[in-house]
Amino acid sequence: MSTIGTFDGFTAARLGIYAAQQGLSVTGNNISNINTTGYTRQVLDQISLKTGAYDRYRSQFDNHIGTGTLVRNINQIRDPYLDVRFRNTSADVGYSDAMLDGLDKIATILDEVGRGKDGSLGDGMLYAQLRDLYDQLHELQDNPVSGSDTLVRESANALVSLFNTYAKKLETLRQNTEKELKQEVTDVNEILRNIRELNEDIREAELHGDGALELRDERNRQIDELSSKLPISAVYTMEDIGGGRQIEKVSIYL
């Protein structure tokens, strides 16, 4: 029957305390970042420690058990499948939001529902002016005198003025929309530069044995923001750096 040595018990207890302290630190970090944008919950990766191996001539009654636990790493709880689904949906929502915003701005200019020439309830200013021109033309047909001709001209001028007003507002909207699109292109290029720099920093950290979890959170936040502006595909692969080591590599395809 196996017996535990004095120092074996001390070592197992000490390693357990260290692991518990690390677990409390990770839990505290998760709680303190519960409202941090882009933060991914972290979890402790523990393995059982077993020193030595079975002796070939050991007694069958002497079972060799582990001597405690070791903290191997701190990992993030993140589902790649959900990331893909979220980013695909985010692209669709971003497209719909942009389309809706543009239509809302056009509707603000061409808001014809419930507006009459005098601001009262009606079928719209444009419809009212077209109806007025129609009535004046009929009046001119029934009573072709100089006064009726003047009324037709005034009604036609009012209709043309209304069309010109709408045209100028729509042209201003077009110019503003082009400026916003140019700014969006600048923002997208800035996000792509940030992702590239984060990839380099994460690679450098991994080469030195650091998981760079905070940098990964920021990279995921940047990728999520990019997905809201245009359809993308983020592909995660493992890159062999020699010596039996591999590091993660992320490629963004537009």
Protein backbone atom coordinates (compact mmCIF):
# COMPACT_ATOMS: atom_id res chain seq x y z
CA MET A 1 0.00 0.00 0.00
CA SER A 2 1.33 3.42 -1.02
CA THR A 3 2.05 5.95 1.69
CA ILE A 4 2.45 9.68 1.24
CA GLY A 5 5.69 11.22 2.39
CA THR A 6 5.90 14.31 4.53
CA PHE A 7 7.33 16.50 1.79
CA ASP A 8 5.03 14.98 -0.83
CA GLY A 9 2.02 16.11 1.19
CA PHE A 10 3.57 19.52 1.74
CA THR A 11 4.28 19.89 -1.99
CA ALA A 12 0.75 18.85 -2.97
CA ALA A 13 -0.76 21.32 -0.50
CA ARG A 14 1.56 24.12 -1.62
CA LEU A 15 0.78 23.57 -5.31
CA GLY A 16 -2.93 23.44 -4.52
CA ILE A 17 -2.71 26.77 -2.71
CA TYR A 18 -0.84 28.33 -5.63
CA ALA A 19 -3.46 27.05 -8.08
CA ALA A 20 -6.28 28.34 -5.87
CA GLN A 21 -4.61 31.75 -5.68
CA GLN A 22 -4.33 31.86 -9.46
CA GLY A 23 -7.96 30.81 -9.77
CA LEU A 24 -9.05 33.60 -7.42
CA SER A 25 -7.02 36.11 -9.45
CA VAL A 26 -8.61 34.94 -12.70
CA THR A 27 -12.10 35.04 -11.15
CA GLY A 28 -11.49 38.53 -9.79
CA ASN A 29 -10.25 39.67 -13.19
CA ASN A 30 -13.37 38.26 -14.86
CA ILE A 31 -15.65 40.03 -12.38
CA SER A 32 -13.84 43.36 -12.61
CA ASN A 33 -14.05 43.28 -16.44
CA ILE A 34 -17.70 42.24 -16.62
CA ASN A 35 -18.57 45.58 -18.28
CA THR A 36 -15.39 45.89 -20.36
CA THR A 37 -16.17 46.08 -24.06
CA GLY A 38 -14.72 43.12 -25.95
CA TYR A 39 -13.50 41.28 -22.85
CA THR A 40 -13.50 37.48 -23.08
CA ARG A 41 -13.95 35.42 -19.93
CA GLN A 42 -10.79 33.64 -18.86
CA VAL A 43 -10.37 30.23 -17.27
CA LEU A 44 -7.50 28.48 -15.51
CA ASP A 45 -5.93 25.53 -17.33
CA GLN A 46 -4.70 23.07 -14.69
CA ILE A 47 -2.96 19.72 -15.08
CA SER A 48 -2.22 16.99 -12.57
CA LEU A 49 1.44 16.71 -11.52
CA LYS A 50 3.02 13.31 -11.37
CA THR A 51 6.74 12.98 -10.76
CA GLY A 52 8.72 9.98 -11.89
CA ALA A 53 7.41 6.77 -13.41
CA TYR A 54 6.53 3.27 -12.31
CA ASP A 55 9.44 1.12 -11.30
CA ARG A 56 9.61 -2.09 -13.27
CA TYR A 57 10.12 -4.09 -10.11
CA ARG A 58 7.66 -2.10 -7.97
CA SER A 59 5.22 -3.87 -5.74
CA GLN A 60 1.78 -4.39 -7.20
CA PHE A 61 0.37 -2.97 -3.99
CA ASP A 62 2.34 0.25 -4.30
CA ASN A 63 0.21 2.57 -6.49
CA HIS A 64 1.96 5.72 -7.62
CA ILE A 65 -0.39 8.69 -7.44
CA GLY A 66 0.05 12.32 -8.43
CA THR A 67 1.67 14.91 -6.22
CA GLY A 68 -0.54 17.95 -6.79
CA THR A 69 -1.59 20.29 -9.56
CA LEU A 70 0.12 22.75 -11.87
CA VAL A 71 -1.27 25.82 -13.62
CA ARG A 72 -0.33 25.30 -17.24
CA ASN A 73 -1.97 28.33 -18.79
CA ILE A 74 -4.81 30.85 -18.69
CA ASN A 75 -7.18 30.46 -21.64
CA GLN A 76 -10.15 32.35 -23.01
CA ILE A 77 -13.63 30.88 -23.34
CA ARG A 78 -14.56 31.80 -26.89
CA ASP A 79 -16.49 29.85 -29.52
CA PRO A 80 -15.18 30.35 -33.10
CA TYR A 81 -18.53 29.20 -34.52
CA LEU A 82 -20.40 31.92 -32.64
CA ASP A 83 -17.81 34.47 -33.75
CA VAL A 84 -18.46 33.61 -37.40
CA ARG A 85 -22.23 33.73 -36.94
CA PHE A 86 -22.05 37.05 -35.10
CA ARG A 87 -19.82 38.68 -37.70
CA ASN A 88 -21.94 37.48 -40.61
CA THR A 89 -25.08 38.78 -38.92
CA SER A 90 -23.32 42.02 -37.99
CA ALA A 91 -22.50 42.62 -41.67
CA ASP A 92 -26.16 42.12 -42.65
CA VAL A 93 -27.34 44.42 -39.86
CA GLY A 94 -24.79 47.07 -40.85
CA TYR A 95 -25.99 46.98 -44.46
CA SER A 96 -29.64 47.25 -43.41
CA ASP A 97 -28.88 50.09 -40.99
CA ALA A 98 -27.01 52.04 -43.68
CA MET A 99 -29.86 51.52 -46.14
CA LEU A 100 -32.48 52.53 -43.58
CA ASP A 101 -30.50 55.63 -42.60
CA GLY A 102 -30.30 56.74 -46.24
CA LEU A 103 -34.02 56.17 -46.83
CA ASP A 104 -34.88 58.04 -43.64
CA LYS A 105 -32.88 61.06 -44.81
CA ILE A 106 -34.63 60.98 -48.21
CA ALA A 107 -37.99 60.61 -46.48
CA THR A 108 -37.22 63.68 -44.38
CA ILE A 109 -36.84 65.73 -47.56
CA LEU A 110 -39.74 64.16 -49.47
CA ASP A 111 -42.07 64.03 -46.49
CA GLU A 112 -45.32 64.35 -48.41
CA VAL A 113 -47.59 62.38 -46.12
CA GLY A 114 -50.05 64.50 -44.21
CA ARG A 115 -48.78 67.89 -45.42
CA GLY A 116 -50.79 70.38 -47.36
CA LYS A 117 -49.78 73.66 -48.98
CA ASP A 118 -50.75 75.59 -45.86
CA GLY A 119 -49.19 73.03 -43.49
CA SER A 120 -52.51 71.45 -42.63
CA LEU A 121 -53.46 67.81 -43.10
CA GLY A 122 -53.53 66.75 -46.73
CA ASP A 123 -52.03 64.47 -49.33
CA GLY A 124 -48.73 66.32 -49.52
CA MET A 125 -47.40 69.61 -50.85
CA LEU A 126 -46.27 68.17 -54.17
CA TYR A 127 -49.59 66.46 -54.77
CA ALA A 128 -51.46 69.61 -53.76
CA GLN A 129 -49.44 71.72 -56.19
CA LEU A 130 -49.95 69.24 -59.02
CA ARG A 131 -53.67 69.23 -58.25
CA ASP A 132 -53.74 73.01 -58.27
CA LEU A 133 -52.04 73.13 -61.68
CA TYR A 134 -54.51 70.55 -62.97
CA ASP A 135 -57.45 72.62 -61.73
CA GLN A 136 -56.03 75.81 -63.26
CA LEU A 137 -55.56 74.13 -66.61
CA HIS A 138 -59.17 72.97 -66.57
CA GLU A 139 -60.25 76.48 -65.61
CA LEU A 140 -58.25 77.86 -68.55
CA GLN A 141 -59.88 75.37 -70.88
CA ASP A 142 -63.36 76.26 -69.70
CA ASN A 143 -62.69 80.00 -69.49
CA PRO A 144 -59.79 80.97 -71.80
CA VAL A 145 -59.24 84.54 -70.65
CA SER A 146 -56.05 86.40 -69.73
CA GLY A 147 -56.65 86.04 -66.00
CA SER A 148 -56.87 82.26 -66.20
CA ASP A 149 -53.64 82.14 -68.20
CA THR A 150 -51.85 84.09 -65.44
CA LEU A 151 -53.12 81.68 -62.79
CA VAL A 152 -51.81 78.71 -64.79
CA ARG A 153 -48.38 80.32 -65.09
CA GLU A 154 -48.23 81.07 -61.37
CA SER A 155 -49.25 77.52 -60.47
CA ALA A 156 -46.66 76.08 -62.86
CA ASN A 157 -43.94 78.36 -61.44
CA ALA A 158 -44.85 77.24 -57.90
CA LEU A 159 -44.59 73.57 -58.97
CA VAL A 160 -41.20 74.13 -60.64
CA SER A 161 -39.96 76.00 -57.56
CA LEU A 162 -41.04 73.08 -55.39
CA PHE A 163 -39.18 70.62 -57.64
CA ASN A 164 -36.07 72.82 -57.51
CA THR A 165 -36.22 72.97 -53.73
CA TYR A 166 -36.40 69.19 -53.46
CA ALA A 167 -33.62 68.79 -56.03
CA LYS A 168 -31.26 71.09 -54.10
CA LYS A 169 -31.94 69.26 -50.84
CA LEU A 170 -31.35 65.88 -52.49
CA GLU A 171 -28.10 67.13 -54.04
CA THR A 172 -26.92 68.34 -50.62
CA LEU A 173 -27.83 64.94 -49.17
CA ARG A 174 -25.85 63.20 -51.93
CA GLN A 175 -22.76 65.28 -51.23
CA ASN A 176 -23.00 64.67 -47.48
CA THR A 177 -23.46 60.94 -48.06
CA GLU A 178 -20.33 60.83 -50.24
CA LYS A 179 -18.35 62.58 -47.48
CA GLU A 180 -19.64 60.05 -44.94
CA LEU A 181 -18.66 57.16 -47.21
CA LYS A 182 -15.15 58.58 -47.61
CA GLN A 183 -14.89 58.82 -43.83
CA GLU A 184 -16.09 55.23 -43.53
CA VAL A 185 -13.32 54.14 -45.91
CA THR A 186 -10.80 55.96 -43.73
CA ASP A 187 -12.19 54.27 -40.63
CA VAL A 188 -12.03 50.83 -42.26
CA ASN A 189 -8.40 51.38 -43.28
CA GLU A 190 -7.58 52.46 -39.73
CA ILE A 191 -9.20 49.32 -38.29
CA LEU A 192 -7.24 47.14 -40.73
CA ARG A 193 -4.00 48.84 -39.67
CA ASN A 194 -4.87 48.27 -36.02
CA ILE A 195 -5.55 44.58 -36.65
CA ARG A 196 -2.23 44.23 -38.49
CA GLU A 197 -0.32 45.85 -35.62
CA LEU A 198 -2.16 43.71 -33.07
CA ASN A 199 -1.28 40.58 -35.04
CA GLU A 200 2.38 41.57 -34.90
CA ASP A 201 2.23 42.30 -31.16
CA ILE A 202 0.42 39.02 -30.42
CA ARG A 203 2.93 37.07 -32.50
CA GLU A 204 5.82 38.69 -30.65
CA ALA A 205 4.21 37.94 -27.29
CA GLU A 206 3.55 34.30 -28.19
CA LEU A 207 7.16 33.86 -29.26
CA HIS A 208 8.11 34.81 -25.70
CA GLY A 209 5.54 32.50 -24.14
CA ASP A 210 2.85 35.09 -23.35
CA GLY A 211 -0.75 34.36 -24.37
CA ALA A 212 -1.45 38.11 -24.88
CA LEU A 213 -5.09 37.67 -23.86
CA GLU A 214 -5.78 41.42 -23.57
CA LEU A 215 -4.34 42.00 -27.05
CA ARG A 216 -6.56 39.21 -28.37
CA ASP A 217 -9.59 40.89 -26.82
CA GLU A 218 -8.72 44.16 -28.54
CA ARG A 219 -8.16 42.35 -31.84
CA ASN A 220 -11.53 40.61 -31.57
CA ARG A 221 -13.17 43.96 -30.80
CA GLN A 222 -11.57 45.50 -33.88
CA ILE A 223 -12.64 42.54 -36.05
CA ASP A 224 -16.20 42.78 -34.71
CA GLU A 225 -16.28 46.51 -35.50
CA LEU A 226 -14.94 45.84 -38.99
CA SER A 227 -17.65 43.22 -39.57
CA SER A 228 -20.32 45.86 -38.87
CA LYS A 229 -19.02 47.96 -41.77
CA LEU A 230 -18.55 45.33 -44.50
CA PRO A 231 -18.69 41.54 -44.98
CA ILE A 232 -15.46 39.86 -43.87
CA SER A 233 -14.09 36.41 -43.20
CA ALA A 234 -11.61 35.87 -40.36
CA VAL A 235 -9.60 32.66 -40.82
CA TYR A 236 -7.58 31.30 -37.89
CA THR A 237 -4.66 29.00 -38.71
CA MET A 238 -1.62 27.67 -36.86
CA GLU A 239 1.84 28.70 -38.04
CA ASP A 240 4.81 26.42 -37.44
CA ILE A 241 7.74 28.42 -36.05
CA GLY A 242 10.08 25.47 -35.59
CA GLY A 243 11.13 23.50 -32.58
CA GLY A 244 7.76 21.81 -32.43
CA ARG A 245 6.04 25.11 -31.60
CA GLN A 246 3.05 26.67 -33.31
CA ILE A 247 1.43 30.06 -32.95
CA GLU A 248 -1.96 31.32 -34.05
CA LYS A 249 -2.29 33.34 -37.24
CA VAL A 250 -5.36 35.35 -38.26
CA SER A 251 -6.11 36.37 -41.85
CA ILE A 252 -8.88 38.84 -42.75
CA TYR A 253 -10.55 38.42 -46.15
CA LEU A 254 -12.88 41.13 -47.44
